[in-house]
Amino acid sequence: MHETSDIQNNKVMAIVAYILFFVPLLAARESKFAMYHANQGLTLFIVCVAANFILGIIPIIGWILLPIANLIIFVLAILGIVAAAQGQAKPLPIIGSFTLLK
């Protein structure tokens, strides 16, 4: 899917994409590998913001589910970081099929 040199040169950017999705957008825009992971990171960020907002305003049940949702988001971020570190372009479970960046 991605060139080996692109993967080797941009692994760090791909890993950073799950922490600060916009960094690869600025520093590695030409890398398909980094942009793939930036898309995954952006999708994860949007899900995180939406889950925290929605569950944060729902009394009691939302407040109970919020830590569980954040744990799931954390696990997804770890899965993405591991895939990026291994040089893989695997979509995240559940949310990985969405393409927000081209």
PDB file of N, CA and C in Angstrom:
ATOM      1  N   MET A   1       0.830  -1.188   0.000  1.00  0.00           N
ATOM      2  CA  MET A   1       0.000   0.000   0.000  1.00  0.00           C
ATOM      3  C   MET A   1       0.879   1.258   0.000  1.00  0.00           C
ATOM      4  N   HIS A   2       1.857   1.308   0.881  1.00  0.00           N
ATOM      5  CA  HIS A   2       2.737   2.469   0.981  1.00  0.00           C
ATOM      6  C   HIS A   2       4.164   2.027   0.682  1.00  0.00           C
ATOM      7  N   GLU A   3       4.952   2.942   0.144  1.00  0.00           N
ATOM      8  CA  GLU A   3       6.342   2.640  -0.143  1.00  0.00           C
ATOM      9  C   GLU A   3       7.131   2.427   1.142  1.00  0.00           C
ATOM     10  N   THR A   4       8.086   1.527   1.076  1.00  0.00           N
ATOM     11  CA  THR A   4       8.903   1.220   2.247  1.00  0.00           C
ATOM     12  C   THR A   4       9.681   2.443   2.723  1.00  0.00           C
ATOM     13  N   SER A   5      10.235   3.228   1.806  1.00  0.00           N
ATOM     14  CA  SER A   5      10.995   4.417   2.223  1.00  0.00           C
ATOM     15  C   SER A   5      10.086   5.454   2.876  1.00  0.00           C
ATOM     16  N   ASP A   6       8.862   5.592   2.362  1.00  0.00           N
ATOM     17  CA  ASP A   6       7.892   6.518   2.964  1.00  0.00           C
ATOM     18  C   ASP A   6       7.586   6.091   4.395  1.00  0.00           C
ATOM     19  N   ILE A   7       7.391   4.803   4.592  1.00  0.00           N
ATOM     20  CA  ILE A   7       7.078   4.288   5.932  1.00  0.00           C
ATOM     21  C   ILE A   7       8.242   4.527   6.880  1.00  0.00           C
ATOM     22  N   GLN A   8       9.447   4.178   6.460  1.00  0.00           N
ATOM     23  CA  GLN A   8      10.619   4.344   7.334  1.00  0.00           C
ATOM     24  C   GLN A   8      10.885   5.810   7.669  1.00  0.00           C
ATOM     25  N   ASN A   9      10.716   6.685   6.692  1.00  0.00           N
ATOM     26  CA  ASN A   9      11.001   8.108   6.910  1.00  0.00           C
ATOM     27  C   ASN A   9       9.938   8.814   7.741  1.00  0.00           C
ATOM     28  N   ASN A  10       8.735   8.262   7.801  1.00  0.00           N
ATOM     29  CA  ASN A  10       7.624   8.978   8.444  1.00  0.00           C
ATOM     30  C   ASN A  10       6.945   8.207   9.568  1.00  0.00           C
ATOM     31  N   LYS A  11       7.620   7.207  10.114  1.00  0.00           N
ATOM     32  CA  LYS A  11       7.045   6.451  11.246  1.00  0.00           C
ATOM     33  C   LYS A  11       6.762   7.362  12.439  1.00  0.00           C
ATOM     34  N   VAL A  12       7.695   8.236  12.735  1.00  0.00           N
ATOM     35  CA  VAL A  12       7.523   9.129  13.892  1.00  0.00           C
ATOM     36  C   VAL A  12       6.313  10.034  13.682  1.00  0.00           C
ATOM     37  N   MET A  13       6.171  10.572  12.475  1.00  0.00           N
ATOM     38  CA  MET A  13       5.014  11.423  12.177  1.00  0.00           C
ATOM     39  C   MET A  13       3.718  10.639  12.301  1.00  0.00           C
ATOM     40  N   ALA A  14       3.735   9.385  11.872  1.00  0.00           N
ATOM     41  CA  ALA A  14       2.536   8.552  11.966  1.00  0.00           C
ATOM     42  C   ALA A  14       2.180   8.284  13.425  1.00  0.00           C
ATOM     43  N   ILE A  15       3.176   8.067  14.257  1.00  0.00           N
ATOM     44  CA  ILE A  15       2.934   7.846  15.682  1.00  0.00           C
ATOM     45  C   ILE A  15       2.396   9.123  16.335  1.00  0.00           C
ATOM     46  N   VAL A  16       3.001  10.254  16.001  1.00  0.00           N
ATOM     47  CA  VAL A  16       2.581  11.539  16.567  1.00  0.00           C
ATOM     48  C   VAL A  16       1.135  11.867  16.173  1.00  0.00           C
ATOM     49  N   ALA A  17       0.692  11.356  15.034  1.00  0.00           N
ATOM     50  CA  ALA A  17      -0.661  11.644  14.542  1.00  0.00           C
ATOM     51  C   ALA A  17      -1.752  11.233  15.528  1.00  0.00           C
ATOM     52  N   TYR A  18      -1.480  10.262  16.370  1.00  0.00           N
ATOM     53  CA  TYR A  18      -2.483   9.812  17.341  1.00  0.00           C
ATOM     54  C   TYR A  18      -2.482  10.671  18.605  1.00  0.00           C
ATOM     55  N   ILE A  19      -1.482  11.503  18.751  1.00  0.00           N
ATOM     56  CA  ILE A  19      -1.403  12.395  19.903  1.00  0.00           C
ATOM     57  C   ILE A  19      -1.795  13.814  19.486  1.00  0.00           C
ATOM     58  N   LEU A  20      -1.209  14.284  18.393  1.00  0.00           N
ATOM     59  CA  LEU A  20      -1.505  15.604  17.824  1.00  0.00           C
ATOM     60  C   LEU A  20      -1.680  15.421  16.315  1.00  0.00           C
ATOM     61  N   PHE A  21      -2.902  15.146  15.882  1.00  0.00           N
ATOM     62  CA  PHE A  21      -3.157  14.780  14.490  1.00  0.00           C
ATOM     63  C   PHE A  21      -2.693  15.823  13.478  1.00  0.00           C
ATOM     64  N   PHE A  22      -2.603  17.091  13.877  1.00  0.00           N
ATOM     65  CA  PHE A  22      -2.270  18.148  12.928  1.00  0.00           C
ATOM     66  C   PHE A  22      -0.779  18.255  12.625  1.00  0.00           C
ATOM     67  N   VAL A  23       0.082  17.656  13.430  1.00  0.00           N
ATOM     68  CA  VAL A  23       1.524  17.741  13.195  1.00  0.00           C
ATOM     69  C   VAL A  23       1.909  17.124  11.852  1.00  0.00           C
ATOM     70  N   PRO A  24       1.436  15.906  11.519  1.00  0.00           N
ATOM     71  CA  PRO A  24       1.762  15.376  10.186  1.00  0.00           C
ATOM     72  C   PRO A  24       1.169  16.219   9.051  1.00  0.00           C
ATOM     73  N   LEU A  25       0.065  16.886   9.314  1.00  0.00           N
ATOM     74  CA  LEU A  25      -0.519  17.750   8.288  1.00  0.00           C
ATOM     75  C   LEU A  25       0.431  18.890   7.943  1.00  0.00           C
ATOM     76  N   LEU A  26       1.184  19.340   8.926  1.00  0.00           N
ATOM     77  CA  LEU A  26       2.122  20.437   8.717  1.00  0.00           C
ATOM     78  C   LEU A  26       3.503  19.954   8.276  1.00  0.00           C
ATOM     79  N   ALA A  27       3.961  18.845   8.842  1.00  0.00           N
ATOM     80  CA  ALA A  27       5.346  18.423   8.647  1.00  0.00           C
ATOM     81  C   ALA A  27       5.543  17.320   7.606  1.00  0.00           C
ATOM     82  N   ALA A  28       4.520  16.546   7.308  1.00  0.00           N
ATOM     83  CA  ALA A  28       4.693  15.412   6.397  1.00  0.00           C
ATOM     84  C   ALA A  28       3.513  15.283   5.440  1.00  0.00           C
ATOM     85  N   ARG A  29       3.089  16.388   4.901  1.00  0.00           N
ATOM     86  CA  ARG A  29       1.910  16.418   4.026  1.00  0.00           C
ATOM     87  C   ARG A  29       2.080  15.527   2.801  1.00  0.00           C
ATOM     88  N   GLU A  30       3.308  15.346   2.321  1.00  0.00           N
ATOM     89  CA  GLU A  30       3.563  14.555   1.109  1.00  0.00           C
ATOM     90  C   GLU A  30       3.585  13.052   1.362  1.00  0.00           C
ATOM     91  N   SER A  31       3.613  12.634   2.606  1.00  0.00           N
ATOM     92  CA  SER A  31       3.698  11.219   2.952  1.00  0.00           C
ATOM     93  C   SER A  31       2.309  10.584   3.043  1.00  0.00           C
ATOM     94  N   LYS A  32       2.067   9.602   2.208  1.00  0.00           N
ATOM     95  CA  LYS A  32       0.779   8.902   2.251  1.00  0.00           C
ATOM     96  C   LYS A  32       0.620   8.143   3.568  1.00  0.00           C
ATOM     97  N   PHE A  33       1.718   7.592   4.057  1.00  0.00           N
ATOM     98  CA  PHE A  33       1.684   6.839   5.310  1.00  0.00           C
ATOM     99  C   PHE A  33       1.335   7.748   6.488  1.00  0.00           C
ATOM    100  N   ALA A  34       2.014   8.887   6.593  1.00  0.00           N
ATOM    101  CA  ALA A  34       1.740   9.827   7.685  1.00  0.00           C
ATOM    102  C   ALA A  34       0.334  10.402   7.564  1.00  0.00           C
ATOM    103  N   MET A  35      -0.103  10.695   6.355  1.00  0.00           N
ATOM    104  CA  MET A  35      -1.445  11.248   6.159  1.00  0.00           C
ATOM    105  C   MET A  35      -2.528  10.224   6.488  1.00  0.00           C
ATOM    106  N   TYR A  36      -2.268   8.951   6.199  1.00  0.00           N
ATOM    107  CA  TYR A  36      -3.221   7.903   6.580  1.00  0.00           C
ATOM    108  C   TYR A  36      -3.424   7.910   8.091  1.00  0.00           C
ATOM    109  N   HIS A  37      -2.324   7.951   8.826  1.00  0.00           N
ATOM    110  CA  HIS A  37      -2.420   7.941  10.281  1.00  0.00           C
ATOM    111  C   HIS A  37      -2.931   9.273  10.829  1.00  0.00           C
ATOM    112  N   ALA A  38      -2.664  10.379  10.138  1.00  0.00           N
ATOM    113  CA  ALA A  38      -3.240  11.666  10.541  1.00  0.00           C
ATOM    114  C   ALA A  38      -4.761  11.617  10.407  1.00  0.00           C
ATOM    115  N   ASN A  39      -5.246  10.974   9.348  1.00  0.00           N
ATOM    116  CA  ASN A  39      -6.693  10.807   9.178  1.00  0.00           C
ATOM    117  C   ASN A  39      -7.277   9.975  10.318  1.00  0.00           C
ATOM    118  N   GLN A  40      -6.594   8.897  10.676  1.00  0.00           N
ATOM    119  CA  GLN A  40      -7.050   8.062  11.779  1.00  0.00           C
ATOM    120  C   GLN A  40      -7.032   8.849  13.089  1.00  0.00           C
ATOM    121  N   GLY A  41      -5.984   9.632  13.306  1.00  0.00           N
ATOM    122  CA  GLY A  41      -5.878  10.453  14.512  1.00  0.00           C
ATOM    123  C   GLY A  41      -6.955  11.521  14.573  1.00  0.00           C
ATOM    124  N   LEU A  42      -7.250  12.149  13.445  1.00  0.00           N
ATOM    125  CA  LEU A  42      -8.308  13.164  13.400  1.00  0.00           C
ATOM    126  C   LEU A  42      -9.665  12.541  13.694  1.00  0.00           C
ATOM    127  N   THR A  43      -9.930  11.393  13.097  1.00  0.00           N
ATOM    128  CA  THR A  43     -11.191  10.692  13.352  1.00  0.00           C
ATOM    129  C   THR A  43     -11.314  10.345  14.833  1.00  0.00           C
ATOM    130  N   LEU A  44     -10.248   9.844  15.416  1.00  0.00           N
ATOM    131  CA  LEU A  44     -10.245   9.504  16.837  1.00  0.00           C
ATOM    132  C   LEU A  44     -10.466  10.749  17.698  1.00  0.00           C
ATOM    133  N   PHE A  45      -9.853  11.859  17.327  1.00  0.00           N
ATOM    134  CA  PHE A  45     -10.025  13.121  18.062  1.00  0.00           C
ATOM    135  C   PHE A  45     -11.482  13.578  18.018  1.00  0.00           C
ATOM    136  N   ILE A  46     -12.098  13.521  16.853  1.00  0.00           N
ATOM    137  CA  ILE A  46     -13.498  13.940  16.712  1.00  0.00           C
ATOM    138  C   ILE A  46     -14.411  13.045  17.544  1.00  0.00           C
ATOM    139  N   VAL A  47     -14.158  11.746  17.524  1.00  0.00           N
ATOM    140  CA  VAL A  47     -14.948  10.816  18.340  1.00  0.00           C
ATOM    141  C   VAL A  47     -14.759  11.131  19.818  1.00  0.00           C
ATOM    142  N   CYS A  48     -13.539  11.433  20.214  1.00  0.00           N
ATOM    143  CA  CYS A  48     -13.241  11.764  21.611  1.00  0.00           C
ATOM    144  C   CYS A  48     -13.994  13.021  22.056  1.00  0.00           C
ATOM    145  N   VAL A  49     -13.931  14.068  21.254  1.00  0.00           N
ATOM    146  CA  VAL A  49     -14.620  15.319  21.593  1.00  0.00           C
ATOM    147  C   VAL A  49     -16.129  15.092  21.663  1.00  0.00           C
ATOM    148  N   ALA A  50     -16.675  14.388  20.672  1.00  0.00           N
ATOM    149  CA  ALA A  50     -18.119  14.135  20.637  1.00  0.00           C
ATOM    150  C   ALA A  50     -18.561  13.294  21.833  1.00  0.00           C
ATOM    151  N   ALA A  51     -17.819  12.239  22.133  1.00  0.00           N
ATOM    152  CA  ALA A  51     -18.183  11.370  23.256  1.00  0.00           C
ATOM    153  C   ALA A  51     -18.124  12.138  24.573  1.00  0.00           C
ATOM    154  N   ASN A  52     -17.076  12.927  24.758  1.00  0.00           N
ATOM    155  CA  ASN A  52     -16.951  13.687  26.002  1.00  0.00           C
ATOM    156  C   ASN A  52     -18.036  14.743  26.133  1.00  0.00           C
ATOM    157  N   PHE A  53     -18.390  15.398  25.029  1.00  0.00           N
ATOM    158  CA  PHE A  53     -19.440  16.402  25.072  1.00  0.00           C
ATOM    159  C   PHE A  53     -20.796  15.765  25.356  1.00  0.00           C
ATOM    160  N   ILE A  54     -21.136  14.758  24.583  1.00  0.00           N
ATOM    161  CA  ILE A  54     -22.460  14.135  24.708  1.00  0.00           C
ATOM    162  C   ILE A  54     -22.630  13.444  26.059  1.00  0.00           C
ATOM    163  N   LEU A  55     -21.644  12.625  26.431  1.00  0.00           N
ATOM    164  CA  LEU A  55     -21.769  11.912  27.705  1.00  0.00           C
ATOM    165  C   LEU A  55     -21.623  12.855  28.900  1.00  0.00           C
ATOM    166  N   GLY A  56     -20.922  13.959  28.708  1.00  0.00           N
ATOM    167  CA  GLY A  56     -20.743  14.923  29.793  1.00  0.00           C
ATOM    168  C   GLY A  56     -22.016  15.675  30.147  1.00  0.00           C
ATOM    169  N   ILE A  57     -22.922  15.829  29.190  1.00  0.00           N
ATOM    170  CA  ILE A  57     -24.157  16.569  29.477  1.00  0.00           C
ATOM    171  C   ILE A  57     -25.322  15.658  29.862  1.00  0.00           C
ATOM    172  N   ILE A  58     -25.132  14.349  29.724  1.00  0.00           N
ATOM    173  CA  ILE A  58     -26.182  13.413  30.138  1.00  0.00           C
ATOM    174  C   ILE A  58     -25.969  13.084  31.617  1.00  0.00           C
ATOM    175  N   PRO A  59     -26.919  13.434  32.459  1.00  0.00           N
ATOM    176  CA  PRO A  59     -26.739  13.172  33.889  1.00  0.00           C
ATOM    177  C   PRO A  59     -26.670  11.674  34.209  1.00  0.00           C
ATOM    178  N   ILE A  60     -25.936  11.346  35.192  1.00  0.00           N
ATOM    179  CA  ILE A  60     -25.751  10.042  35.816  1.00  0.00           C
ATOM    180  C   ILE A  60     -25.275   8.968  34.832  1.00  0.00           C
ATOM    181  N   ILE A  61     -26.117   8.521  33.899  1.00  0.00           N
ATOM    182  CA  ILE A  61     -25.714   7.457  32.970  1.00  0.00           C
ATOM    183  C   ILE A  61     -24.531   7.918  32.128  1.00  0.00           C
ATOM    184  N   GLY A  62     -24.593   9.150  31.615  1.00  0.00           N
ATOM    185  CA  GLY A  62     -23.490   9.691  30.833  1.00  0.00           C
ATOM    186  C   GLY A  62     -22.225   9.796  31.655  1.00  0.00           C
ATOM    187  N   TRP A  63     -22.367  10.215  32.879  1.00  0.00           N
ATOM    188  CA  TRP A  63     -21.198  10.354  33.748  1.00  0.00           C
ATOM    189  C   TRP A  63     -20.583   8.997  34.090  1.00  0.00           C
ATOM    190  N   ILE A  64     -21.399   7.969  34.128  1.00  0.00           N
ATOM    191  CA  ILE A  64     -20.895   6.613  34.379  1.00  0.00           C
ATOM    192  C   ILE A  64     -20.203   6.067  33.128  1.00  0.00           C
ATOM    193  N   LEU A  65     -20.788   6.341  31.952  1.00  0.00           N
ATOM    194  CA  LEU A  65     -20.243   5.823  30.702  1.00  0.00           C
ATOM    195  C   LEU A  65     -19.018   6.591  30.206  1.00  0.00           C
ATOM    196  N   LEU A  66     -18.856   7.819  30.652  1.00  0.00           N
ATOM    197  CA  LEU A  66     -17.759   8.659  30.178  1.00  0.00           C
ATOM    198  C   LEU A  66     -16.373   8.040  30.412  1.00  0.00           C
ATOM    199  N   PRO A  67     -16.061   7.548  31.605  1.00  0.00           N
ATOM    200  CA  PRO A  67     -14.737   6.932  31.786  1.00  0.00           C
ATOM    201  C   PRO A  67     -14.540   5.690  30.917  1.00  0.00           C
ATOM    202  N   ILE A  68     -15.604   4.947  30.686  1.00  0.00           N
ATOM    203  CA  ILE A  68     -15.514   3.755  29.834  1.00  0.00           C
ATOM    204  C   ILE A  68     -15.224   4.177  28.396  1.00  0.00           C
ATOM    205  N   ALA A  69     -15.920   5.202  27.920  1.00  0.00           N
ATOM    206  CA  ALA A  69     -15.686   5.713  26.564  1.00  0.00           C
ATOM    207  C   ALA A  69     -14.263   6.225  26.421  1.00  0.00           C
ATOM    208  N   ASN A  70     -13.772   6.935  27.426  1.00  0.00           N
ATOM    209  CA  ASN A  70     -12.395   7.448  27.366  1.00  0.00           C
ATOM    210  C   ASN A  70     -11.371   6.320  27.392  1.00  0.00           C
ATOM    211  N   LEU A  71     -11.651   5.257  28.112  1.00  0.00           N
ATOM    212  CA  LEU A  71     -10.762   4.097  28.118  1.00  0.00           C
ATOM    213  C   LEU A  71     -10.729   3.447  26.736  1.00  0.00           C
ATOM    214  N   ILE A  72     -11.875   3.327  26.092  1.00  0.00           N
ATOM    215  CA  ILE A  72     -11.944   2.756  24.748  1.00  0.00           C
ATOM    216  C   ILE A  72     -11.166   3.626  23.760  1.00  0.00           C
ATOM    217  N   ILE A  73     -11.321   4.932  23.872  1.00  0.00           N
ATOM    218  CA  ILE A  73     -10.593   5.859  22.998  1.00  0.00           C
ATOM    219  C   ILE A  73      -9.090   5.740  23.233  1.00  0.00           C
ATOM    220  N   PHE A  74      -8.684   5.610  24.479  1.00  0.00           N
ATOM    221  CA  PHE A  74      -7.268   5.424  24.813  1.00  0.00           C
ATOM    222  C   PHE A  74      -6.724   4.137  24.193  1.00  0.00           C
ATOM    223  N   VAL A  75      -7.487   3.062  24.293  1.00  0.00           N
ATOM    224  CA  VAL A  75      -7.074   1.776  23.709  1.00  0.00           C
ATOM    225  C   VAL A  75      -6.954   1.896  22.189  1.00  0.00           C
ATOM    226  N   LEU A  76      -7.900   2.579  21.553  1.00  0.00           N
ATOM    227  CA  LEU A  76      -7.823   2.784  20.104  1.00  0.00           C
ATOM    228  C   LEU A  76      -6.574   3.575  19.728  1.00  0.00           C
ATOM    229  N   ALA A  77      -6.237   4.584  20.524  1.00  0.00           N
ATOM    230  CA  ALA A  77      -5.022   5.365  20.262  1.00  0.00           C
ATOM    231  C   ALA A  77      -3.777   4.486  20.380  1.00  0.00           C
ATOM    232  N   ILE A  78      -3.735   3.638  21.379  1.00  0.00           N
ATOM    233  CA  ILE A  78      -2.598   2.723  21.551  1.00  0.00           C
ATOM    234  C   ILE A  78      -2.502   1.769  20.365  1.00  0.00           C
ATOM    235  N   LEU A  79      -3.639   1.229  19.916  1.00  0.00           N
ATOM    236  CA  LEU A  79      -3.641   0.335  18.751  1.00  0.00           C
ATOM    237  C   LEU A  79      -3.100   1.055  17.516  1.00  0.00           C
ATOM    238  N   GLY A  80      -3.498   2.315  17.335  1.00  0.00           N
ATOM    239  CA  GLY A  80      -3.001   3.093  16.205  1.00  0.00           C
ATOM    240  C   GLY A  80      -1.514   3.364  16.301  1.00  0.00           C
ATOM    241  N   ILE A  81      -1.037   3.694  17.490  1.00  0.00           N
ATOM    242  CA  ILE A  81       0.384   3.958  17.697  1.00  0.00           C
ATOM    243  C   ILE A  81       1.202   2.705  17.427  1.00  0.00           C
ATOM    244  N   VAL A  82       0.734   1.566  17.897  1.00  0.00           N
ATOM    245  CA  VAL A  82       1.443   0.301  17.680  1.00  0.00           C
ATOM    246  C   VAL A  82       1.495  -0.028  16.186  1.00  0.00           C
ATOM    247  N   ALA A  83       0.369   0.139  15.491  1.00  0.00           N
ATOM    248  CA  ALA A  83       0.341  -0.135  14.051  1.00  0.00           C
ATOM    249  C   ALA A  83       1.303   0.793  13.309  1.00  0.00           C
ATOM    250  N   ALA A  84       1.321   2.065  13.666  1.00  0.00           N
ATOM    251  CA  ALA A  84       2.221   3.024  13.027  1.00  0.00           C
ATOM    252  C   ALA A  84       3.680   2.675  13.307  1.00  0.00           C
ATOM    253  N   ALA A  85       3.981   2.303  14.531  1.00  0.00           N
ATOM    254  CA  ALA A  85       5.352   1.938  14.895  1.00  0.00           C
ATOM    255  C   ALA A  85       5.825   0.690  14.162  1.00  0.00           C
ATOM    256  N   GLN A  86       4.894  -0.203  13.830  1.00  0.00           N
ATOM    257  CA  GLN A  86       5.233  -1.421  13.094  1.00  0.00           C
ATOM    258  C   GLN A  86       5.217  -1.205  11.586  1.00  0.00           C
ATOM    259  N   GLY A  87       4.919   0.012  11.158  1.00  0.00           N
ATOM    260  CA  GLY A  87       4.907   0.315   9.735  1.00  0.00           C
ATOM    261  C   GLY A  87       3.669  -0.190   9.019  1.00  0.00           C
ATOM    262  N   GLN A  88       2.586  -0.389   9.742  1.00  0.00           N
ATOM    263  CA  GLN A  88       1.350  -0.900   9.159  1.00  0.00           C
ATOM    264  C   GLN A  88       0.338   0.224   8.990  1.00  0.00           C
ATOM    265  N   ALA A  89      -0.522   0.067   8.009  1.00  0.00           N
ATOM    266  CA  ALA A  89      -1.616   1.014   7.784  1.00  0.00           C
ATOM    267  C   ALA A  89      -2.931   0.271   8.032  1.00  0.00           C
ATOM    268  N   LYS A  90      -3.108  -0.153   9.270  1.00  0.00           N
ATOM    269  CA  LYS A  90      -4.326  -0.870   9.650  1.00  0.00           C
ATOM    270  C   LYS A  90      -5.354   0.123  10.175  1.00  0.00           C
ATOM    271  N   PRO A  91      -6.603   0.007   9.694  1.00  0.00           N
ATOM    272  CA  PRO A  91      -7.633   0.913  10.218  1.00  0.00           C
ATOM    273  C   PRO A  91      -7.971   0.576  11.665  1.00  0.00           C
ATOM    274  N   LEU A  92      -8.321   1.597  12.414  1.00  0.00           N
ATOM    275  CA  LEU A  92      -8.745   1.388  13.798  1.00  0.00           C
ATOM    276  C   LEU A  92     -10.076   0.648  13.814  1.00  0.00           C
ATOM    277  N   PRO A  93     -10.305  -0.193  14.811  1.00  0.00           N
ATOM    278  CA  PRO A  93     -11.603  -0.851  14.906  1.00  0.00           C
ATOM    279  C   PRO A  93     -12.738   0.169  15.041  1.00  0.00           C
ATOM    280  N   ILE A  94     -13.840  -0.107  14.463  1.00  0.00           N
ATOM    281  CA  ILE A  94     -15.084   0.673  14.525  1.00  0.00           C
ATOM    282  C   ILE A  94     -14.996   1.973  13.723  1.00  0.00           C
ATOM    283  N   ILE A  95     -14.027   2.837  13.990  1.00  0.00           N
ATOM    284  CA  ILE A  95     -13.996   4.172  13.379  1.00  0.00           C
ATOM    285  C   ILE A  95     -13.003   4.291  12.240  1.00  0.00           C
ATOM    286  N   GLY A  96     -12.232   3.268  11.976  1.00  0.00           N
ATOM    287  CA  GLY A  96     -11.140   3.352  10.999  1.00  0.00           C
ATOM    288  C   GLY A  96     -11.562   3.460   9.555  1.00  0.00           C
ATOM    289  N   SER A  97     -12.812   3.199   9.242  1.00  0.00           N
ATOM    290  CA  SER A  97     -13.250   3.229   7.845  1.00  0.00           C
ATOM    291  C   SER A  97     -13.599   4.630   7.353  1.00  0.00           C
ATOM    292  N   PHE A  98     -13.620   5.604   8.233  1.00  0.00           N
ATOM    293  CA  PHE A  98     -13.975   6.976   7.852  1.00  0.00           C
ATOM    294  C   PHE A  98     -12.752   7.704   7.305  1.00  0.00           C
ATOM    295  N   THR A  99     -12.911   8.365   6.174  1.00  0.00           N
ATOM    296  CA  THR A  99     -11.832   9.136   5.572  1.00  0.00           C
ATOM    297  C   THR A  99     -12.209  10.610   5.599  1.00  0.00           C
ATOM    298  N   LEU A 100     -11.501  11.367   6.394  1.00  0.00           N
ATOM    299  CA  LEU A 100     -11.753  12.797   6.523  1.00  0.00           C
ATOM    300  C   LEU A 100     -10.725  13.619   5.760  1.00  0.00           C
ATOM    301  N   LEU A 101      -9.521  13.074   5.623  1.00  0.00           N
ATOM    302  CA  LEU A 101      -8.423  13.753   4.918  1.00  0.00           C
ATOM    303  C   LEU A 101      -8.064  12.969   3.668  1.00  0.00           C
ATOM    304  N   LYS A 102      -7.733  13.701   2.626  1.00  0.00           N
ATOM    305  CA  LYS A 102      -7.292  13.012   1.391  1.00  0.00           C
ATOM    306  C   LYS A 102      -5.806  13.121   1.227  1.00  0.00           C
TER     307      LYS A 102
END
